[in-house]
C-alpha atoms as a PDB file:
ATOM      1  CA  MET A   1     275.292 355.917 231.960  1.00  0.00           C
ATOM      2  CA  LEU A   2     276.343 353.028 234.171  1.00  0.00           C
ATOM      3  CA  VAL A   3     274.840 349.705 233.037  1.00  0.00           C
ATOM      4  CA  ILE A   4     274.421 347.399 236.020  1.00  0.00           C
ATOM      5  CA  GLY A   5     274.249 343.738 235.117  1.00  0.00           C
ATOM      6  CA  LEU A   6     271.977 341.943 237.595  1.00  0.00           C
ATOM      7  CA  THR A   7     271.824 338.133 237.598  1.00  0.00           C
ATOM      8  CA  GLY A   8     271.262 335.183 239.848  1.00  0.00           C
ATOM      9  CA  GLY A   9     270.184 331.563 239.831  1.00  0.00           C
ATOM     10  CA  ILE A  10     266.508 330.699 239.592  1.00  0.00           C
ATOM     11  CA  ALA A  11     264.623 331.328 242.859  1.00  0.00           C
ATOM     12  CA  CYS A  12     267.614 333.116 244.455  1.00  0.00           C
ATOM     13  CA  GLY A  13     265.782 336.450 244.737  1.00  0.00           C
ATOM     14  CA  LYS A  14     266.948 338.390 241.722  1.00  0.00           C
ATOM     15  CA  SER A  15     263.430 339.701 241.044  1.00  0.00           C
ATOM     16  CA  THR A  16     263.196 340.966 244.633  1.00  0.00           C
ATOM     17  CA  VAL A  17     266.414 342.894 244.138  1.00  0.00           C
ATOM     18  CA  SER A  18     265.278 344.226 240.782  1.00  0.00           C
ATOM     19  CA  ARG A  19     262.008 345.552 242.314  1.00  0.00           C
ATOM     20  CA  ARG A  20     263.950 347.202 245.111  1.00  0.00           C
ATOM     21  CA  LEU A  21     266.282 348.953 242.640  1.00  0.00           C
ATOM     22  CA  ARG A  22     263.244 350.170 240.696  1.00  0.00           C
ATOM     23  CA  ASP A  23     261.020 351.237 243.605  1.00  0.00           C
ATOM     24  CA  LYS A  24     263.614 352.546 246.113  1.00  0.00           C
ATOM     25  CA  TYR A  25     266.296 353.934 243.814  1.00  0.00           C
ATOM     26  CA  LYS A  26     264.119 354.722 240.753  1.00  0.00           C
ATOM     27  CA  LEU A  27     266.434 352.912 238.392  1.00  0.00           C
ATOM     28  CA  PRO A  28     265.032 351.839 235.004  1.00  0.00           C
ATOM     29  CA  ILE A  29     265.011 348.075 234.571  1.00  0.00           C
ATOM     30  CA  VAL A  30     265.725 346.324 231.272  1.00  0.00           C
ATOM     31  CA  ASP A  31     263.996 343.020 232.122  1.00  0.00           C
ATOM     32  CA  ALA A  32     265.192 340.103 229.993  1.00  0.00           C
ATOM     33  CA  ASP A  33     262.396 337.821 231.194  1.00  0.00           C
ATOM     34  CA  LYS A  34     259.754 340.356 230.209  1.00  0.00           C
ATOM     35  CA  ILE A  35     261.384 340.887 226.829  1.00  0.00           C
ATOM     36  CA  ALA A  36     261.740 337.106 226.360  1.00  0.00           C
ATOM     37  CA  ARG A  37     257.962 336.780 226.718  1.00  0.00           C
ATOM     38  CA  GLN A  38     257.348 339.555 224.225  1.00  0.00           C
ATOM     39  CA  VAL A  39     259.641 338.162 221.462  1.00  0.00           C
ATOM     40  CA  VAL A  40     257.823 334.814 221.467  1.00  0.00           C
ATOM     41  CA  GLU A  41     254.344 336.246 221.026  1.00  0.00           C
ATOM     42  CA  PRO A  42     252.362 334.956 218.010  1.00  0.00           C
ATOM     43  CA  GLY A  43     253.448 336.810 214.915  1.00  0.00           C
ATOM     44  CA  GLN A  44     257.033 337.266 216.024  1.00  0.00           C
ATOM     45  CA  ASN A  45     259.856 335.573 214.078  1.00  0.00           C
ATOM     46  CA  ALA A  46     261.192 333.759 217.163  1.00  0.00           C
ATOM     47  CA  TYR A  47     257.681 332.323 217.807  1.00  0.00           C
ATOM     48  CA  ASP A  48     257.553 330.885 214.281  1.00  0.00           C
ATOM     49  CA  GLN A  49     261.014 329.273 214.682  1.00  0.00           C
ATOM     50  CA  ILE A  50     260.083 327.755 218.047  1.00  0.00           C
ATOM     51  CA  VAL A  51     256.859 326.236 216.667  1.00  0.00           C
ATOM     52  CA  LEU A  52     258.670 324.826 213.670  1.00  0.00           C
ATOM     53  CA  TYR A  53     261.408 323.271 215.834  1.00  0.00           C
ATOM     54  CA  PHE A  54     259.326 321.921 218.735  1.00  0.00           C
ATOM     55  CA  LYS A  55     255.928 321.083 217.275  1.00  0.00           C
ATOM     56  CA  ASP A  56     256.786 317.431 216.665  1.00  0.00           C
ATOM     57  CA  LYS A  57     258.469 317.061 220.057  1.00  0.00           C
ATOM     58  CA  ILE A  58     255.913 318.671 222.372  1.00  0.00           C
ATOM     59  CA  PRO A  59     252.297 317.679 221.606  1.00  0.00           C
ATOM     60  CA  ASP A  60     250.805 320.454 223.802  1.00  0.00           C
ATOM     61  CA  LEU A  61     253.221 323.126 222.636  1.00  0.00           C
ATOM     62  CA  LEU A  62     250.442 325.603 221.846  1.00  0.00           C
ATOM     63  CA  LEU A  63     247.534 326.813 223.962  1.00  0.00           C
ATOM     64  CA  GLU A  64     244.041 327.268 222.545  1.00  0.00           C
ATOM     65  CA  ASP A  65     244.753 330.944 221.783  1.00  0.00           C
ATOM     66  CA  SER A  66     247.910 329.932 219.843  1.00  0.00           C
ATOM     67  CA  HIS A  67     250.304 331.281 222.473  1.00  0.00           C
ATOM     68  CA  LEU A  68     253.153 329.026 223.525  1.00  0.00           C
ATOM     69  CA  ASN A  69     252.511 326.702 226.429  1.00  0.00           C
ATOM     70  CA  ARG A  70     255.476 327.999 228.421  1.00  0.00           C
ATOM     71  CA  GLU A  71     255.063 325.378 231.170  1.00  0.00           C
ATOM     72  CA  ALA A  72     255.230 322.480 228.697  1.00  0.00           C
ATOM     73  CA  LEU A  73     258.075 324.080 226.762  1.00  0.00           C
ATOM     74  CA  GLY A  74     260.056 324.778 229.938  1.00  0.00           C
ATOM     75  CA  LYS A  75     259.613 321.287 231.293  1.00  0.00           C
ATOM     76  CA  TRP A  76     260.795 319.769 228.052  1.00  0.00           C
ATOM     77  CA  VAL A  77     263.936 321.912 227.486  1.00  0.00           C
ATOM     78  CA  PHE A  78     265.131 321.730 231.081  1.00  0.00           C
ATOM     79  CA  SER A  79     265.280 317.960 230.738  1.00  0.00           C
ATOM     80  CA  HIS A  80     266.708 318.000 227.172  1.00  0.00           C
ATOM     81  CA  LYS A  81     269.881 320.118 227.167  1.00  0.00           C
ATOM     82  CA  GLU A  82     270.352 320.073 223.391  1.00  0.00           C
ATOM     83  CA  ASP A  83     266.863 321.457 222.909  1.00  0.00           C
ATOM     84  CA  LEU A  84     267.466 324.083 225.586  1.00  0.00           C
ATOM     85  CA  LYS A  85     270.519 325.161 223.577  1.00  0.00           C
ATOM     86  CA  ALA A  86     268.400 325.287 220.416  1.00  0.00           C
ATOM     87  CA  LEU A  87     265.756 327.380 222.144  1.00  0.00           C
ATOM     88  CA  ASN A  88     268.384 329.834 223.402  1.00  0.00           C
ATOM     89  CA  GLU A  89     269.857 330.116 219.886  1.00  0.00           C
ATOM     90  CA  ILE A  90     266.392 331.079 218.602  1.00  0.00           C
ATOM     91  CA  THR A  91     265.439 333.586 221.251  1.00  0.00           C
ATOM     92  CA  HIS A  92     268.705 335.180 222.346  1.00  0.00           C
ATOM     93  CA  PRO A  93     269.372 337.310 219.239  1.00  0.00           C
ATOM     94  CA  ALA A  94     265.863 338.809 219.409  1.00  0.00           C
ATOM     95  CA  ILE A  95     266.151 339.410 223.118  1.00  0.00           C
ATOM     96  CA  ARG A  96     269.537 341.097 222.768  1.00  0.00           C
ATOM     97  CA  TYR A  97     268.281 343.443 220.066  1.00  0.00           C
ATOM     98  CA  ALA A  98     265.311 344.504 222.206  1.00  0.00           C
ATOM     99  CA  MET A  99     267.535 344.988 225.276  1.00  0.00           C
ATOM    100  CA  PHE A 100     270.026 347.222 223.405  1.00  0.00           C
ATOM    101  CA  LYS A 101     267.136 349.327 222.169  1.00  0.00           C
ATOM    102  CA  GLU A 102     265.907 349.829 225.752  1.00  0.00           C
ATOM    103  CA  ILE A 103     269.365 350.688 227.022  1.00  0.00           C
ATOM    104  CA  GLY A 104     269.747 353.251 224.266  1.00  0.00           C
ATOM    105  CA  TYR A 105     266.418 354.765 225.185  1.00  0.00           C
ATOM    106  CA  TYR A 106     267.388 355.203 228.836  1.00  0.00           C
ATOM    107  CA  TYR A 107     270.737 356.677 227.802  1.00  0.00           C
ATOM    108  CA  LEU A 108     268.948 359.281 225.654  1.00  0.00           C
ATOM    109  CA  LYS A 109     266.626 360.036 228.566  1.00  0.00           C
ATOM    110  CA  GLY A 110     269.658 361.041 230.656  1.00  0.00           C
ATOM    111  CA  TYR A 111     269.633 358.358 233.356  1.00  0.00           C
ATOM    112  CA  ARG A 112     272.758 357.970 235.464  1.00  0.00           C
ATOM    113  CA  MET A 113     272.271 354.184 235.858  1.00  0.00           C
ATOM    114  CA  CYS A 114     270.095 351.450 234.418  1.00  0.00           C
ATOM    115  CA  VAL A 115     269.778 347.793 235.405  1.00  0.00           C
ATOM    116  CA  LEU A 116     270.172 344.982 232.872  1.00  0.00           C
ATOM    117  CA  ASP A 117     268.226 342.184 234.612  1.00  0.00           C
ATOM    118  CA  VAL A 118     269.302 338.953 232.913  1.00  0.00           C
ATOM    119  CA  PRO A 119     269.238 335.386 234.342  1.00  0.00           C
ATOM    120  CA  LEU A 120     271.866 334.273 231.779  1.00  0.00           C
ATOM    121  CA  LEU A 121     274.038 337.392 231.972  1.00  0.00           C
ATOM    122  CA  PHE A 122     277.368 335.557 231.895  1.00  0.00           C
ATOM    123  CA  GLU A 123     276.252 332.674 229.702  1.00  0.00           C
ATOM    124  CA  GLY A 124     275.113 335.171 227.071  1.00  0.00           C
ATOM    125  CA  ASN A 125     278.309 337.287 227.430  1.00  0.00           C
ATOM    126  CA  LEU A 126     276.172 340.334 228.194  1.00  0.00           C
ATOM    127  CA  ASP A 127     278.411 341.183 231.105  1.00  0.00           C
ATOM    128  CA  SER A 128     280.788 342.612 228.508  1.00  0.00           C
ATOM    129  CA  ILE A 129     278.563 345.697 228.086  1.00  0.00           C
ATOM    130  CA  CYS A 130     278.060 346.212 231.857  1.00  0.00           C
ATOM    131  CA  GLY A 131     280.087 348.600 233.958  1.00  0.00           C
ATOM    132  CA  VAL A 132     279.251 346.574 237.086  1.00  0.00           C
ATOM    133  CA  THR A 133     277.855 343.052 237.621  1.00  0.00           C
ATOM    134  CA  ILE A 134     275.860 341.916 240.653  1.00  0.00           C
ATOM    135  CA  SER A 135     274.801 338.364 241.460  1.00  0.00           C
ATOM    136  CA  VAL A 136     272.098 337.340 243.901  1.00  0.00           C
ATOM    137  CA  ILE A 137     272.865 333.969 245.509  1.00  0.00           C
ATOM    138  CA  CYS A 138     271.613 331.668 248.253  1.00  0.00           C
ATOM    139  CA  THR A 139     272.273 328.133 249.448  1.00  0.00           C
ATOM    140  CA  GLN A 140     271.307 325.363 247.064  1.00  0.00           C
ATOM    141  CA  GLU A 141     268.930 323.889 249.661  1.00  0.00           C
ATOM    142  CA  LEU A 142     267.119 327.185 250.046  1.00  0.00           C
ATOM    143  CA  GLN A 143     267.067 327.711 246.305  1.00  0.00           C
ATOM    144  CA  LEU A 144     265.381 324.315 245.735  1.00  0.00           C
ATOM    145  CA  GLU A 145     262.871 324.974 248.545  1.00  0.00           C
ATOM    146  CA  ARG A 146     261.952 328.401 247.116  1.00  0.00           C
ATOM    147  CA  LEU A 147     261.629 327.068 243.602  1.00  0.00           C
ATOM    148  CA  MET A 148     259.253 324.253 244.596  1.00  0.00           C
ATOM    149  CA  THR A 149     257.186 326.657 246.702  1.00  0.00           C
ATOM    150  CA  ARG A 150     256.991 329.160 243.843  1.00  0.00           C
ATOM    151  CA  ASN A 151     256.257 326.467 241.244  1.00  0.00           C
ATOM    152  CA  PRO A 152     254.291 323.715 243.006  1.00  0.00           C
ATOM    153  CA  GLU A 153     253.566 322.020 239.685  1.00  0.00           C
ATOM    154  CA  LEU A 154     257.222 321.005 239.476  1.00  0.00           C
ATOM    155  CA  SER A 155     258.378 317.649 240.774  1.00  0.00           C
ATOM    156  CA  GLN A 156     261.598 317.610 242.760  1.00  0.00           C
ATOM    157  CA  GLU A 157     263.322 316.085 239.714  1.00  0.00           C
ATOM    158  CA  ASP A 158     262.023 318.858 237.442  1.00  0.00           C
ATOM    159  CA  ALA A 159     263.181 321.487 239.912  1.00  0.00           C
ATOM    160  CA  LYS A 160     266.659 319.944 240.174  1.00  0.00           C
ATOM    161  CA  ASN A 161     266.846 319.818 236.356  1.00  0.00           C
ATOM    162  CA  ARG A 162     266.196 323.537 236.228  1.00  0.00           C
ATOM    163  CA  LEU A 163     268.851 324.272 238.812  1.00  0.00           C
ATOM    164  CA  SER A 164     271.447 322.060 237.152  1.00  0.00           C
ATOM    165  CA  SER A 165     270.902 323.708 233.782  1.00  0.00           C
ATOM    166  CA  GLN A 166     272.283 327.025 235.101  1.00  0.00           C
ATOM    167  CA  MET A 167     275.751 328.248 235.937  1.00  0.00           C
ATOM    168  CA  ASN A 168     276.918 327.023 239.306  1.00  0.00           C
ATOM    169  CA  THR A 169     277.179 329.432 242.196  1.00  0.00           C
ATOM    170  CA  ASP A 170     280.968 329.339 242.507  1.00  0.00           C
ATOM    171  CA  GLU A 171     281.508 330.393 238.909  1.00  0.00           C
ATOM    172  CA  ARG A 172     278.836 333.071 239.204  1.00  0.00           C
ATOM    173  CA  MET A 173     280.582 334.513 242.264  1.00  0.00           C
ATOM    174  CA  THR A 174     283.980 334.453 240.557  1.00  0.00           C
ATOM    175  CA  ARG A 175     282.669 336.453 237.612  1.00  0.00           C
ATOM    176  CA  SER A 176     280.684 338.996 239.548  1.00  0.00           C
ATOM    177  CA  ASP A 177     281.828 342.377 240.909  1.00  0.00           C
ATOM    178  CA  TYR A 178     279.392 342.286 243.824  1.00  0.00           C
ATOM    179  CA  ILE A 179     277.501 339.491 245.573  1.00  0.00           C
ATOM    180  CA  LEU A 180     274.164 339.769 247.392  1.00  0.00           C
ATOM    181  CA  GLN A 181     273.625 336.941 249.863  1.00  0.00           C
ATOM    182  CA  ASN A 182     269.907 336.186 250.121  1.00  0.00           C
ATOM    183  CA  ASN A 183     269.893 333.589 252.841  1.00  0.00           C
ATOM    184  CA  SER A 184     268.359 335.720 255.545  1.00  0.00           C
ATOM    185  CA  THR A 185     265.734 338.463 255.888  1.00  0.00           C
ATOM    186  CA  LEU A 186     264.522 341.114 253.477  1.00  0.00           C
ATOM    187  CA  VAL A 187     265.965 343.750 255.802  1.00  0.00           C
ATOM    188  CA  ASP A 188     269.397 342.171 255.506  1.00  0.00           C
ATOM    189  CA  LEU A 189     269.096 341.951 251.710  1.00  0.00           C
ATOM    190  CA  TYR A 190     268.014 345.595 251.473  1.00  0.00           C
ATOM    191  CA  GLU A 191     271.006 346.684 253.572  1.00  0.00           C
ATOM    192  CA  GLN A 192     273.332 344.879 251.203  1.00  0.00           C
ATOM    193  CA  ILE A 193     271.707 346.597 248.207  1.00  0.00           C
ATOM    194  CA  GLU A 194     272.077 349.980 249.878  1.00  0.00           C
ATOM    195  CA  SER A 195     275.762 349.318 250.468  1.00  0.00           C
ATOM    196  CA  VAL A 196     276.391 348.338 246.853  1.00  0.00           C
ATOM    197  CA  ILE A 197     274.474 351.349 245.445  1.00  0.00           C
ATOM    198  CA  LYS A 198     276.542 353.760 247.532  1.00  0.00           C
ATOM    199  CA  LYS A 199     279.716 352.237 246.108  1.00  0.00           C
ATOM    200  CA  ILE A 200     278.749 352.186 242.454  1.00  0.00           C
ATOM    201  CA  ARG A 201     276.591 355.301 241.954  1.00  0.00           C
ATOM    202  CA  PRO A 202     278.383 357.522 239.415  1.00  0.00           C
ATOM    203  CA  SER A 203     278.884 361.206 240.134  1.00  0.00           C
ATOM    204  CA  ARG A 204     276.808 363.770 238.267  1.00  0.00           C
ATOM    205  CA  LEU A 205     280.024 365.069 236.656  1.00  0.00           C
ATOM    206  CA  ARG A 206     280.926 361.669 235.263  1.00  0.00           C
ATOM    207  CA  THR A 207     277.373 361.199 233.917  1.00  0.00           C
ATOM    208  CA  PHE A 208     277.546 364.644 232.340  1.00  0.00           C
ATOM    209  CA  LEU A 209     280.900 363.925 230.692  1.00  0.00           C
ATOM    210  CA  GLU A 210     279.691 360.627 229.263  1.00  0.00           C
ATOM    211  CA  TYR A 211     277.176 362.457 227.115  1.00  0.00           C
ATOM    212  CA  PHE A 212     280.071 363.974 225.170  1.00  0.00           C
ATOM    213  CA  PRO A 213     280.899 361.514 222.352  1.00  0.00           C
ATOM    214  CA  PRO A 214     284.686 361.339 222.806  1.00  0.00           C
ATOM    215  CA  PHE A 215     284.572 360.700 226.567  1.00  0.00           C
ATOM    216  CA  GLY A 216     281.591 358.372 226.265  1.00  0.00           C
ATOM    217  CA  ALA A 217     283.279 356.302 223.543  1.00  0.00           C
ATOM    218  CA  VAL A 218     286.471 355.943 225.559  1.00  0.00           C
ATOM    219  CA  SER A 219     284.567 355.021 228.680  1.00  0.00           C
ATOM    220  CA  ALA A 220     282.440 352.388 226.904  1.00  0.00           C
ATOM    221  CA  SER A 221     285.462 350.930 225.117  1.00  0.00           C
ATOM    222  CA  GLY A 222     287.377 350.724 228.387  1.00  0.00           C
ATOM    223  CA  ILE A 223     284.571 348.798 230.046  1.00  0.00           C
ATOM    224  CA  ILE A 224     284.270 346.311 227.183  1.00  0.00           C
ATOM    225  CA  MET A 225     288.022 345.746 226.928  1.00  0.00           C
ATOM    226  CA  SER A 226     288.411 345.251 230.669  1.00  0.00           C
ATOM    227  CA  ARG A 227     285.556 342.687 230.687  1.00  0.00           C
ATOM    228  CA  LEU A 228     287.076 340.780 227.783  1.00  0.00           C
ATOM    229  CA  LEU A 229     290.519 340.787 229.428  1.00  0.00           C
ATOM    230  CA  MET A 230     289.062 339.546 232.729  1.00  0.00           C
ATOM    231  CA  LYS A 231     287.197 336.781 230.902  1.00  0.00           C
ATOM    232  CA  LYS A 232     290.335 335.743 229.053  1.00  0.00           C
ATOM    233  CA  LEU A 233     292.323 335.543 232.323  1.00  0.00           C
ATOM    234  CA  GLN A 234     289.549 333.497 233.976  1.00  0.00           C
ATOM    235  CA  ASN A 235     289.494 331.067 231.081  1.00  0.00           C
ATOM    236  CA  LYS A 236     293.241 330.595 231.344  1.00  0.00           C
ATOM    237  CA  LYS A 237     293.210 329.644 235.025  1.00  0.00           C
ATOM    238  CA  PRO A 238     291.846 326.069 234.710  1.00  0.00           C
ATOM    239  CA  SER A 239     294.357 325.153 232.008  1.00  0.00           C
ATOM    240  CA  GLU A 240     297.256 326.590 233.986  1.00  0.00           C
ATOM    241  CA  ALA A 241     296.274 324.766 237.178  1.00  0.00           C
END
């Protein structure tokens, strides 16, 4: 099964692409944002750790029903980078475990492809398990405009803090196999998606062979090793310049 890593900066249109892949091409989506909400529900271990860490920093951390006040938490961590790192260290292991379970489920169901929809795909090194990576990008001006339209409660400073906390577009493009430019119309974006799907869709024969353990193990190992090698070469470039 081909695992497609889908990522993109906030408000670039990643969710639009994800819906298109699900609705048009019937691809199962492993949605990191959805999983991230589930692992911080009351009663979950990550929830308890977040409350313990942030309760003295964010007075309105909890809502009346004991759920996390995601708006207050988000506003705080996007303006305090050390606390954002701490939050990620709490939630990422739980999110990864849940994602791997879902991928395994779709593999057992016999799907040819599935989409790993992760905002922090590269930051979390999850691209190493993907056969293909796709990034959705747009201009920074359009990104800021879309974010403030989508989240009118954010000040311009808050919005800029959220954008600056993420990987910059140039690095995202360098690390991606395919780029979807979302600066124009939906029709244009859908045409780009169609073009990429035609290029990456695995044959039925390859999918069939991957369900035999020896071939599947070699294929998966090759993907992981090639990703690690590519990352190593990319990390060397700045020091050699």
